[in-house]
Full PDB file with SEQRES, HELIX, SHEET, SSBOND, CRYST1, ORIGX, SCALE, CONECT and MASTER records, all heavy atoms in Angstrom:
SEQRES   1 A   41  GLU ALA GLY SER SER LEU THR GLY SER ILE GLY ASN CYS          
SEQRES   2 A   41  ALA GLY GLY ALA THR PRO TRP GLY THR TRP LEU SER CYS          
SEQRES   3 A   41  GLU GLU TRP PHE GLY GLY ARG VAL TRP GLU CYS ASP PRO          
SEQRES   4 A   41  THR GLY                                                      
SHEET    1 AA1 3 ASN A  12  ALA A  17  0                                        
SHEET    2 AA1 3 TRP A  23  GLU A  27 -1                                        
SHEET    3 AA1 3 VAL A  34  CYS A  37 -1                                        
CRYST1    1.000    1.000    1.000  90.00  90.00  90.00 P 1           1          
ORIGX1      1.000000  0.000000  0.000000        0.00000                         
ORIGX2      0.000000  1.000000  0.000000        0.00000                         
ORIGX3      0.000000  0.000000  1.000000        0.00000                         
SCALE1      1.000000  0.000000  0.000000        0.00000                         
SCALE2      0.000000  1.000000  0.000000        0.00000                         
SCALE3      0.000000  0.000000  1.000000        0.00000                         
ATOM      1  N   GLU A   1      10.327  27.579 -34.077  1.00  0.00           N  
ATOM      2  CA  GLU A   1      11.570  28.306 -33.824  1.00  0.00           C  
ATOM      3  C   GLU A   1      12.439  27.482 -32.881  1.00  0.00           C  
ATOM      4  O   GLU A   1      11.941  26.687 -32.085  1.00  0.00           O  
ATOM      5  CB  GLU A   1      11.275  29.672 -33.188  1.00  0.00           C  
ATOM      6  CG  GLU A   1      12.498  30.545 -32.946  1.00  0.00           C  
ATOM      7  CD  GLU A   1      12.175  31.834 -32.211  1.00  0.00           C  
ATOM      8  OE1 GLU A   1      11.012  32.000 -31.785  1.00  0.00           O  
ATOM      9  OE2 GLU A   1      13.092  32.655 -32.039  1.00  0.00           O  
ATOM     10  N   ALA A   2      13.743  27.680 -32.984  1.00  0.00           N  
ATOM     11  CA  ALA A   2      14.683  27.106 -32.028  1.00  0.00           C  
ATOM     12  C   ALA A   2      15.863  28.056 -31.904  1.00  0.00           C  
ATOM     13  O   ALA A   2      16.173  28.818 -32.829  1.00  0.00           O  
ATOM     14  CB  ALA A   2      15.149  25.720 -32.471  1.00  0.00           C  
ATOM     15  N   GLY A   3      16.515  28.037 -30.754  1.00  0.00           N  
ATOM     16  CA  GLY A   3      17.626  28.956 -30.544  1.00  0.00           C  
ATOM     17  C   GLY A   3      18.262  28.740 -29.190  1.00  0.00           C  
ATOM     18  O   GLY A   3      18.093  27.701 -28.549  1.00  0.00           O  
ATOM     19  N   SER A   4      18.993  29.764 -28.726  1.00  0.00           N  
ATOM     20  CA  SER A   4      19.695  29.715 -27.452  1.00  0.00           C  
ATOM     21  C   SER A   4      19.088  30.688 -26.458  1.00  0.00           C  
ATOM     22  O   SER A   4      18.819  31.842 -26.802  1.00  0.00           O  
ATOM     23  CB  SER A   4      21.178  30.049 -27.643  1.00  0.00           C  
ATOM     24  OG  SER A   4      21.821  29.068 -28.435  1.00  0.00           O  
ATOM     25  N   SER A   5      18.879  30.221 -25.238  1.00  0.00           N  
ATOM     26  CA  SER A   5      18.424  31.082 -24.152  1.00  0.00           C  
ATOM     27  C   SER A   5      19.595  31.610 -23.342  1.00  0.00           C  
ATOM     28  O   SER A   5      19.473  32.624 -22.655  1.00  0.00           O  
ATOM     29  CB  SER A   5      17.493  30.308 -23.204  1.00  0.00           C  
ATOM     30  OG  SER A   5      16.504  29.616 -23.899  1.00  0.00           O  
ATOM     31  N   LEU A   6      20.731  30.902 -23.399  1.00  0.00           N  
ATOM     32  CA  LEU A   6      21.902  31.252 -22.589  1.00  0.00           C  
ATOM     33  C   LEU A   6      23.139  30.691 -23.254  1.00  0.00           C  
ATOM     34  O   LEU A   6      23.153  29.541 -23.708  1.00  0.00           O  
ATOM     35  CB  LEU A   6      21.754  30.669 -21.178  1.00  0.00           C  
ATOM     36  CG  LEU A   6      22.990  30.658 -20.279  1.00  0.00           C  
ATOM     37  CD1 LEU A   6      23.419  32.085 -19.931  1.00  0.00           C  
ATOM     38  CD2 LEU A   6      22.733  29.853 -19.005  1.00  0.00           C  
ATOM     39  N   THR A   7      24.201  31.500 -23.304  1.00  0.00           N  
ATOM     40  CA  THR A   7      25.523  31.051 -23.733  1.00  0.00           C  
ATOM     41  C   THR A   7      26.544  31.549 -22.714  1.00  0.00           C  
ATOM     42  O   THR A   7      26.252  32.430 -21.899  1.00  0.00           O  
ATOM     43  CB  THR A   7      25.885  31.586 -25.132  1.00  0.00           C  
ATOM     44  OG1 THR A   7      25.846  33.023 -25.105  1.00  0.00           O  
ATOM     45  CG2 THR A   7      24.909  31.082 -26.182  1.00  0.00           C  
ATOM     46  N   GLY A   8      27.741  30.982 -22.746  1.00  0.00           N  
ATOM     47  CA  GLY A   8      28.818  31.469 -21.891  1.00  0.00           C  
ATOM     48  C   GLY A   8      28.805  30.916 -20.479  1.00  0.00           C  
ATOM     49  O   GLY A   8      29.497  31.451 -19.604  1.00  0.00           O  
ATOM     50  N   SER A   9      28.068  29.865 -20.235  1.00  0.00           N  
ATOM     51  CA  SER A   9      28.013  29.259 -18.915  1.00  0.00           C  
ATOM     52  C   SER A   9      28.751  27.918 -18.930  1.00  0.00           C  
ATOM     53  O   SER A   9      29.276  27.498 -19.959  1.00  0.00           O  
ATOM     54  CB  SER A   9      26.566  29.083 -18.457  1.00  0.00           C  
ATOM     55  OG  SER A   9      25.839  28.345 -19.416  1.00  0.00           O  
ATOM     56  N   ILE A  10      28.756  27.229 -17.766  1.00  0.00           N  
ATOM     57  CA  ILE A  10      29.550  26.011 -17.624  1.00  0.00           C  
ATOM     58  C   ILE A  10      28.688  24.901 -17.030  1.00  0.00           C  
ATOM     59  O   ILE A  10      28.094  25.066 -15.967  1.00  0.00           O  
ATOM     60  CB  ILE A  10      30.756  26.247 -16.699  1.00  0.00           C  
ATOM     61  CG1 ILE A  10      31.650  27.351 -17.256  1.00  0.00           C  
ATOM     62  CG2 ILE A  10      31.557  24.963 -16.501  1.00  0.00           C  
ATOM     63  CD1 ILE A  10      32.736  27.793 -16.290  1.00  0.00           C  
ATOM     64  N   GLY A  11      28.621  23.770 -17.697  1.00  0.00           N  
ATOM     65  CA  GLY A  11      28.033  22.574 -17.126  1.00  0.00           C  
ATOM     66  C   GLY A  11      26.637  22.755 -16.565  1.00  0.00           C  
ATOM     67  O   GLY A  11      26.374  22.413 -15.415  1.00  0.00           O  
ATOM     68  N   ASN A  12      25.724  23.258 -17.393  1.00  0.00           N  
ATOM     69  CA  ASN A  12      24.354  23.501 -16.927  1.00  0.00           C  
ATOM     70  C   ASN A  12      23.617  22.174 -16.801  1.00  0.00           C  
ATOM     71  O   ASN A  12      23.355  21.505 -17.794  1.00  0.00           O  
ATOM     72  CB  ASN A  12      23.638  24.429 -17.894  1.00  0.00           C  
ATOM     73  CG  ASN A  12      24.341  25.774 -17.997  1.00  0.00           C  
ATOM     74  OD1 ASN A  12      25.399  25.883 -18.603  1.00  0.00           O  
ATOM     75  ND2 ASN A  12      23.773  26.776 -17.377  1.00  0.00           N  
ATOM     76  N   CYS A  13      23.286  21.809 -15.572  1.00  0.00           N  
ATOM     77  CA  CYS A  13      22.731  20.489 -15.311  1.00  0.00           C  
ATOM     78  C   CYS A  13      21.208  20.546 -15.256  1.00  0.00           C  
ATOM     79  O   CYS A  13      20.550  20.436 -16.259  1.00  0.00           O  
ATOM     80  CB  CYS A  13      23.315  19.924 -14.028  1.00  0.00           C  
ATOM     81  SG  CYS A  13      22.983  18.164 -13.818  1.00  0.00           S  
ATOM     82  N   ALA A  14      20.639  20.718 -14.089  1.00  0.00           N  
ATOM     83  CA  ALA A  14      19.184  20.822 -13.996  1.00  0.00           C  
ATOM     84  C   ALA A  14      18.816  22.290 -13.749  1.00  0.00           C  
ATOM     85  O   ALA A  14      19.530  23.202 -14.144  1.00  0.00           O  
ATOM     86  CB  ALA A  14      18.642  19.898 -12.910  1.00  0.00           C  
ATOM     87  N   GLY A  15      17.705  22.520 -13.076  1.00  0.00           N  
ATOM     88  CA  GLY A  15      17.237  23.879 -12.840  1.00  0.00           C  
ATOM     89  C   GLY A  15      15.786  23.845 -12.453  1.00  0.00           C  
ATOM     90  O   GLY A  15      15.312  22.874 -11.851  1.00  0.00           O  
ATOM     91  N   GLY A  16      15.050  24.892 -12.822  1.00  0.00           N  
ATOM     92  CA  GLY A  16      13.634  24.935 -12.509  1.00  0.00           C  
ATOM     93  C   GLY A  16      12.986  26.180 -13.072  1.00  0.00           C  
ATOM     94  O   GLY A  16      13.646  27.196 -13.310  1.00  0.00           O  
ATOM     95  N   ALA A  17      11.682  26.092 -13.290  1.00  0.00           N  
ATOM     96  CA  ALA A  17      10.911  27.224 -13.800  1.00  0.00           C  
ATOM     97  C   ALA A  17      10.423  28.091 -12.648  1.00  0.00           C  
ATOM     98  O   ALA A  17      10.155  27.591 -11.547  1.00  0.00           O  
ATOM     99  CB  ALA A  17       9.725  26.728 -14.606  1.00  0.00           C  
ATOM    100  N   THR A  18      10.296  29.390 -12.902  1.00  0.00           N  
ATOM    101  CA  THR A  18       9.725  30.298 -11.910  1.00  0.00           C  
ATOM    102  C   THR A  18       8.269  30.595 -12.271  1.00  0.00           C  
ATOM    103  O   THR A  18       7.870  30.482 -13.438  1.00  0.00           O  
ATOM    104  CB  THR A  18      10.492  31.624 -11.850  1.00  0.00           C  
ATOM    105  OG1 THR A  18      10.269  32.342 -13.081  1.00  0.00           O  
ATOM    106  CG2 THR A  18      11.981  31.391 -11.652  1.00  0.00           C  
ATOM    107  N   PRO A  19       7.470  31.013 -11.289  1.00  0.00           N  
ATOM    108  CA  PRO A  19       6.072  31.361 -11.581  1.00  0.00           C  
ATOM    109  C   PRO A  19       5.930  32.570 -12.490  1.00  0.00           C  
ATOM    110  O   PRO A  19       4.871  32.768 -13.086  1.00  0.00           O  
ATOM    111  CB  PRO A  19       5.479  31.646 -10.192  1.00  0.00           C  
ATOM    112  CG  PRO A  19       6.390  30.963  -9.229  1.00  0.00           C  
ATOM    113  CD  PRO A  19       7.752  31.035  -9.847  1.00  0.00           C  
ATOM    114  N   TRP A  20       6.984  33.381 -12.582  1.00  0.00           N  
ATOM    115  CA  TRP A  20       6.903  34.574 -13.437  1.00  0.00           C  
ATOM    116  C   TRP A  20       7.479  34.321 -14.827  1.00  0.00           C  
ATOM    117  O   TRP A  20       7.717  35.240 -15.595  1.00  0.00           O  
ATOM    118  CB  TRP A  20       7.590  35.764 -12.765  1.00  0.00           C  
ATOM    119  CG  TRP A  20       8.963  35.495 -12.213  1.00  0.00           C  
ATOM    120  CD1 TRP A  20      10.167  35.641 -12.849  1.00  0.00           C  
ATOM    121  CD2 TRP A  20       9.268  35.053 -10.881  1.00  0.00           C  
ATOM    122  NE1 TRP A  20      11.198  35.305 -12.013  1.00  0.00           N  
ATOM    123  CE2 TRP A  20      10.677  34.952 -10.792  1.00  0.00           C  
ATOM    124  CE3 TRP A  20       8.500  34.744  -9.764  1.00  0.00           C  
ATOM    125  CZ2 TRP A  20      11.328  34.537  -9.617  1.00  0.00           C  
ATOM    126  CZ3 TRP A  20       9.142  34.329  -8.609  1.00  0.00           C  
ATOM    127  CH2 TRP A  20      10.537  34.239  -8.537  1.00  0.00           C  
ATOM    128  N   GLY A  21       7.715  33.045 -15.163  1.00  0.00           N  
ATOM    129  CA  GLY A  21       8.004  32.693 -16.552  1.00  0.00           C  
ATOM    130  C   GLY A  21       9.445  32.713 -16.966  1.00  0.00           C  
ATOM    131  O   GLY A  21       9.736  32.830 -18.168  1.00  0.00           O  
ATOM    132  N   THR A  22      10.387  32.575 -16.017  1.00  0.00           N  
ATOM    133  CA  THR A  22      11.789  32.476 -16.373  1.00  0.00           C  
ATOM    134  C   THR A  22      12.314  31.091 -16.012  1.00  0.00           C  
ATOM    135  O   THR A  22      11.697  30.345 -15.246  1.00  0.00           O  
ATOM    136  CB  THR A  22      12.639  33.545 -15.673  1.00  0.00           C  
ATOM    137  OG1 THR A  22      12.498  33.411 -14.241  1.00  0.00           O  
ATOM    138  CG2 THR A  22      12.203  34.945 -16.089  1.00  0.00           C  
ATOM    139  N   TRP A  23      13.460  30.757 -16.570  1.00  0.00           N  
ATOM    140  CA  TRP A  23      14.110  29.468 -16.336  1.00  0.00           C  
ATOM    141  C   TRP A  23      15.364  29.698 -15.495  1.00  0.00           C  
ATOM    142  O   TRP A  23      16.203  30.542 -15.826  1.00  0.00           O  
ATOM    143  CB  TRP A  23      14.475  28.835 -17.659  1.00  0.00           C  
ATOM    144  CG  TRP A  23      15.398  27.648 -17.623  1.00  0.00           C  
ATOM    145  CD1 TRP A  23      16.640  27.551 -18.192  1.00  0.00           C  
ATOM    146  CD2 TRP A  23      15.140  26.365 -17.024  1.00  0.00           C  
ATOM    147  NE1 TRP A  23      17.163  26.302 -17.981  1.00  0.00           N  
ATOM    148  CE2 TRP A  23      16.272  25.553 -17.259  1.00  0.00           C  
ATOM    149  CE3 TRP A  23      14.067  25.830 -16.303  1.00  0.00           C  
ATOM    150  CZ2 TRP A  23      16.361  24.231 -16.807  1.00  0.00           C  
ATOM    151  CZ3 TRP A  23      14.145  24.522 -15.857  1.00  0.00           C  
ATOM    152  CH2 TRP A  23      15.277  23.735 -16.103  1.00  0.00           C  
ATOM    153  N   LEU A  24      15.481  28.954 -14.397  1.00  0.00           N  
ATOM    154  CA  LEU A  24      16.672  28.992 -13.561  1.00  0.00           C  
ATOM    155  C   LEU A  24      17.574  27.845 -13.980  1.00  0.00           C  
ATOM    156  O   LEU A  24      17.278  26.680 -13.724  1.00  0.00           O  
ATOM    157  CB  LEU A  24      16.300  28.882 -12.086  1.00  0.00           C  
ATOM    158  CG  LEU A  24      15.367  29.965 -11.553  1.00  0.00           C  
ATOM    159  CD1 LEU A  24      15.068  29.742 -10.079  1.00  0.00           C  
ATOM    160  CD2 LEU A  24      15.959  31.353 -11.780  1.00  0.00           C  
ATOM    161  N   SER A  25      18.659  28.165 -14.652  1.00  0.00           N  
ATOM    162  CA  SER A  25      19.596  27.162 -15.144  1.00  0.00           C  
ATOM    163  C   SER A  25      20.763  27.062 -14.169  1.00  0.00           C  
ATOM    164  O   SER A  25      21.430  28.057 -13.882  1.00  0.00           O  
ATOM    165  CB  SER A  25      20.102  27.549 -16.534  1.00  0.00           C  
ATOM    166  OG  SER A  25      20.975  26.567 -17.046  1.00  0.00           O  
ATOM    167  N   CYS A  26      21.004  25.851 -13.657  1.00  0.00           N  
ATOM    168  CA  CYS A  26      21.969  25.648 -12.571  1.00  0.00           C  
ATOM    169  C   CYS A  26      23.243  24.987 -13.077  1.00  0.00           C  
ATOM    170  O   CYS A  26      23.180  23.953 -13.751  1.00  0.00           O  
ATOM    171  CB  CYS A  26      21.350  24.791 -11.477  1.00  0.00           C  
ATOM    172  SG  CYS A  26      19.910  25.530 -10.684  1.00  0.00           S  
ATOM    173  N   GLU A  27      24.375  25.560 -12.721  1.00  0.00           N  
ATOM    174  CA  GLU A  27      25.671  25.010 -13.102  1.00  0.00           C  
ATOM    175  C   GLU A  27      26.140  23.992 -12.054  1.00  0.00           C  
ATOM    176  O   GLU A  27      26.127  24.275 -10.859  1.00  0.00           O  
ATOM    177  CB  GLU A  27      26.714  26.112 -13.217  1.00  0.00           C  
ATOM    178  CG  GLU A  27      26.454  27.110 -14.327  1.00  0.00           C  
ATOM    179  CD  GLU A  27      27.516  28.187 -14.380  1.00  0.00           C  
ATOM    180  OE1 GLU A  27      27.982  28.616 -13.298  1.00  0.00           O  
ATOM    181  OE2 GLU A  27      27.876  28.605 -15.484  1.00  0.00           O  
ATOM    182  N   GLU A  28      26.604  22.848 -12.533  1.00  0.00           N  
ATOM    183  CA  GLU A  28      27.041  21.782 -11.637  1.00  0.00           C  
ATOM    184  C   GLU A  28      28.568  21.718 -11.582  1.00  0.00           C  
ATOM    185  O   GLU A  28      29.207  20.893 -12.222  1.00  0.00           O  
ATOM    186  CB  GLU A  28      26.462  20.433 -12.081  1.00  0.00           C  
ATOM    187  CG  GLU A  28      26.737  19.313 -11.091  1.00  0.00           C  
ATOM    188  CD  GLU A  28      26.365  17.945 -11.617  1.00  0.00           C  
ATOM    189  OE1 GLU A  28      25.667  17.878 -12.652  1.00  0.00           O  
ATOM    190  OE2 GLU A  28      26.780  16.951 -11.008  1.00  0.00           O  
ATOM    191  N   TRP A  29      29.155  22.621 -10.807  1.00  0.00           N  
ATOM    192  CA  TRP A  29      30.584  22.579 -10.476  1.00  0.00           C  
ATOM    193  C   TRP A  29      30.770  23.351  -9.183  1.00  0.00           C  
ATOM    194  O   TRP A  29      29.837  23.985  -8.698  1.00  0.00           O  
ATOM    195  CB  TRP A  29      31.448  23.115 -11.615  1.00  0.00           C  
ATOM    196  CG  TRP A  29      31.178  24.531 -12.050  1.00  0.00           C  
ATOM    197  CD1 TRP A  29      30.117  24.979 -12.777  1.00  0.00           C  
ATOM    198  CD2 TRP A  29      31.996  25.680 -11.790  1.00  0.00           C  
ATOM    199  NE1 TRP A  29      30.199  26.334 -12.999  1.00  0.00           N  
ATOM    200  CE2 TRP A  29      31.356  26.787 -12.399  1.00  0.00           C  
ATOM    201  CE3 TRP A  29      33.188  25.882 -11.123  1.00  0.00           C  
ATOM    202  CZ2 TRP A  29      31.885  28.083 -12.339  1.00  0.00           C  
ATOM    203  CZ3 TRP A  29      33.718  27.172 -11.072  1.00  0.00           C  
ATOM    204  CH2 TRP A  29      33.075  28.253 -11.676  1.00  0.00           C  
ATOM    205  N   PHE A  30      31.953  23.253  -8.561  1.00  0.00           N  
ATOM    206  CA  PHE A  30      32.116  23.758  -7.191  1.00  0.00           C  
ATOM    207  C   PHE A  30      31.840  25.253  -7.064  1.00  0.00           C  
ATOM    208  O   PHE A  30      31.469  25.739  -5.993  1.00  0.00           O  
ATOM    209  CB  PHE A  30      33.518  23.431  -6.662  1.00  0.00           C  
ATOM    210  CG  PHE A  30      34.628  24.170  -7.375  1.00  0.00           C  
ATOM    211  CD1 PHE A  30      35.040  25.421  -6.959  1.00  0.00           C  
ATOM    212  CD2 PHE A  30      35.259  23.595  -8.475  1.00  0.00           C  
ATOM    213  CE1 PHE A  30      36.066  26.102  -7.622  1.00  0.00           C  
ATOM    214  CE2 PHE A  30      36.277  24.275  -9.142  1.00  0.00           C  
ATOM    215  CZ  PHE A  30      36.685  25.527  -8.713  1.00  0.00           C  
ATOM    216  N   GLY A  31      32.001  26.004  -8.152  1.00  0.00           N  
ATOM    217  CA  GLY A  31      31.661  27.430  -8.144  1.00  0.00           C  
ATOM    218  C   GLY A  31      30.416  27.714  -8.962  1.00  0.00           C  
ATOM    219  O   GLY A  31      30.252  28.825  -9.484  1.00  0.00           O  
ATOM    220  N   GLY A  32      29.544  26.716  -9.059  1.00  0.00           N  
ATOM    221  CA  GLY A  32      28.377  26.821  -9.924  1.00  0.00           C  
ATOM    222  C   GLY A  32      27.427  27.949  -9.551  1.00  0.00           C  
ATOM    223  O   GLY A  32      27.193  28.224  -8.373  1.00  0.00           O  
ATOM    224  N   ARG A  33      26.875  28.558 -10.575  1.00  0.00           N  
ATOM    225  CA  ARG A  33      25.955  29.690 -10.413  1.00  0.00           C  
ATOM    226  C   ARG A  33      24.557  29.312 -10.873  1.00  0.00           C  
ATOM    227  O   ARG A  33      24.364  28.318 -11.562  1.00  0.00           O  
ATOM    228  CB  ARG A  33      26.460  30.884 -11.245  1.00  0.00           C  
ATOM    229  CG  ARG A  33      27.861  31.344 -10.893  1.00  0.00           C  
ATOM    230  CD  ARG A  33      28.520  32.102 -12.032  1.00  0.00           C  
ATOM    231  NE  ARG A  33      28.840  31.226 -13.165  1.00  0.00           N  
ATOM    232  CZ  ARG A  33      29.450  31.638 -14.270  1.00  0.00           C  
ATOM    233  NH1 ARG A  33      29.803  32.913 -14.405  1.00  0.00           N  
ATOM    234  NH2 ARG A  33      29.703  30.794 -15.253  1.00  0.00           N  
ATOM    235  N   VAL A  34      23.603  30.144 -10.499  1.00  0.00           N  
ATOM    236  CA  VAL A  34      22.242  30.049 -11.022  1.00  0.00           C  
ATOM    237  C   VAL A  34      22.042  31.194 -12.002  1.00  0.00           C  
ATOM    238  O   VAL A  34      22.241  32.368 -11.652  1.00  0.00           O  
ATOM    239  CB  VAL A  34      21.195  30.112  -9.901  1.00  0.00           C  
ATOM    240  CG1 VAL A  34      19.778  30.116 -10.502  1.00  0.00           C  
ATOM    241  CG2 VAL A  34      21.346  28.946  -8.930  1.00  0.00           C  
ATOM    242  N   TRP A  35      21.661  30.863 -13.211  1.00  0.00           N  
ATOM    243  CA  TRP A  35      21.360  31.856 -14.240  1.00  0.00           C  
ATOM    244  C   TRP A  35      19.844  31.953 -14.404  1.00  0.00           C  
ATOM    245  O   TRP A  35      19.172  30.935 -14.563  1.00  0.00           O  
ATOM    246  CB  TRP A  35      21.961  31.450 -15.583  1.00  0.00           C  
ATOM    247  CG  TRP A  35      23.454  31.447 -15.649  1.00  0.00           C  
ATOM    248  CD1 TRP A  35      24.300  30.482 -15.156  1.00  0.00           C  
ATOM    249  CD2 TRP A  35      24.288  32.434 -16.263  1.00  0.00           C  
ATOM    250  NE1 TRP A  35      25.602  30.809 -15.431  1.00  0.00           N  
ATOM    251  CE2 TRP A  35      25.629  32.004 -16.112  1.00  0.00           C  
ATOM    252  CE3 TRP A  35      24.040  33.630 -16.928  1.00  0.00           C  
ATOM    253  CZ2 TRP A  35      26.719  32.731 -16.607  1.00  0.00           C  
ATOM    254  CZ3 TRP A  35      25.106  34.350 -17.427  1.00  0.00           C  
ATOM    255  CH2 TRP A  35      26.425  33.913 -17.259  1.00  0.00           C  
ATOM    256  N   GLU A  36      19.320  33.163 -14.396  1.00  0.00           N  
ATOM    257  CA  GLU A  36      17.901  33.359 -14.684  1.00  0.00           C  
ATOM    258  C   GLU A  36      17.759  33.747 -16.152  1.00  0.00           C  
ATOM    259  O   GLU A  36      18.328  34.744 -16.606  1.00  0.00           O  
ATOM    260  CB  GLU A  36      17.285  34.422 -13.781  1.00  0.00           C  
ATOM    261  CG  GLU A  36      15.780  34.530 -13.961  1.00  0.00           C  
ATOM    262  CD  GLU A  36      15.099  35.384 -12.910  1.00  0.00           C  
ATOM    263  OE1 GLU A  36      15.795  36.136 -12.194  1.00  0.00           O  
ATOM    264  OE2 GLU A  36      13.857  35.306 -12.809  1.00  0.00           O  
ATOM    265  N   CYS A  37      17.005  32.931 -16.896  1.00  0.00           N  
ATOM    266  CA  CYS A  37      16.961  33.055 -18.347  1.00  0.00           C  
ATOM    267  C   CYS A  37      15.552  33.329 -18.854  1.00  0.00           C  
ATOM    268  O   CYS A  37      14.581  32.736 -18.369  1.00  0.00           O  
ATOM    269  CB  CYS A  37      17.446  31.751 -19.000  1.00  0.00           C  
ATOM    270  SG  CYS A  37      18.995  31.096 -18.370  1.00  0.00           S  
ATOM    271  N   ASP A  38      15.461  34.185 -19.863  1.00  0.00           N  
ATOM    272  CA  ASP A  38      14.251  34.284 -20.665  1.00  0.00           C  
ATOM    273  C   ASP A  38      14.189  33.017 -21.517  1.00  0.00           C  
ATOM    274  O   ASP A  38      15.166  32.676 -22.191  1.00  0.00           O  
ATOM    275  CB  ASP A  38      14.334  35.528 -21.548  1.00  0.00           C  
ATOM    276  CG  ASP A  38      13.095  35.749 -22.383  1.00  0.00           C  
ATOM    277  OD1 ASP A  38      12.724  34.834 -23.150  1.00  0.00           O  
ATOM    278  OD2 ASP A  38      12.497  36.825 -22.284  1.00  0.00           O  
ATOM    279  N   PRO A  39      13.080  32.291 -21.515  1.00  0.00           N  
ATOM    280  CA  PRO A  39      13.039  31.014 -22.250  1.00  0.00           C  
ATOM    281  C   PRO A  39      13.456  31.117 -23.711  1.00  0.00           C  
ATOM    282  O   PRO A  39      14.127  30.211 -24.225  1.00  0.00           O  
ATOM    283  CB  PRO A  39      11.580  30.572 -22.107  1.00  0.00           C  
ATOM    284  CG  PRO A  39      11.141  31.172 -20.812  1.00  0.00           C  
ATOM    285  CD  PRO A  39      11.833  32.500 -20.746  1.00  0.00           C  
ATOM    286  N   THR A  40      13.071  32.175 -24.388  1.00  0.00           N  
ATOM    287  CA  THR A  40      13.406  32.310 -25.802  1.00  0.00           C  
ATOM    288  C   THR A  40      14.615  33.213 -26.040  1.00  0.00           C  
ATOM    289  O   THR A  40      14.909  33.541 -27.189  1.00  0.00           O  
ATOM    290  CB  THR A  40      12.209  32.860 -26.595  1.00  0.00           C  
ATOM    291  OG1 THR A  40      11.885  34.171 -26.104  1.00  0.00           O  
ATOM    292  CG2 THR A  40      11.003  31.959 -26.464  1.00  0.00           C  
ATOM    293  N   GLY A  41      15.304  33.602 -24.977  1.00  0.00           N  
ATOM    294  CA  GLY A  41      16.496  34.420 -25.134  1.00  0.00           C  
ATOM    295  C   GLY A  41      16.221  35.840 -25.575  1.00  0.00           C  
ATOM    296  O   GLY A  41      17.133  36.535 -26.044  1.00  0.00           O  
TER     297      GLY A  41                                                      
MASTER        0    0    0    0    3    0    0    6  296    1    0    4          
END                                                                             
């Protein structure tokens, strides 16, 4: 399978996994946010 875990964000650069199984996707711009994502959306 392949697909999207997150849409509607801006410039997602790096991030990191959490111990509870989610992905923290980090936006790289001056107002960048951290999105917590289900890996398979």
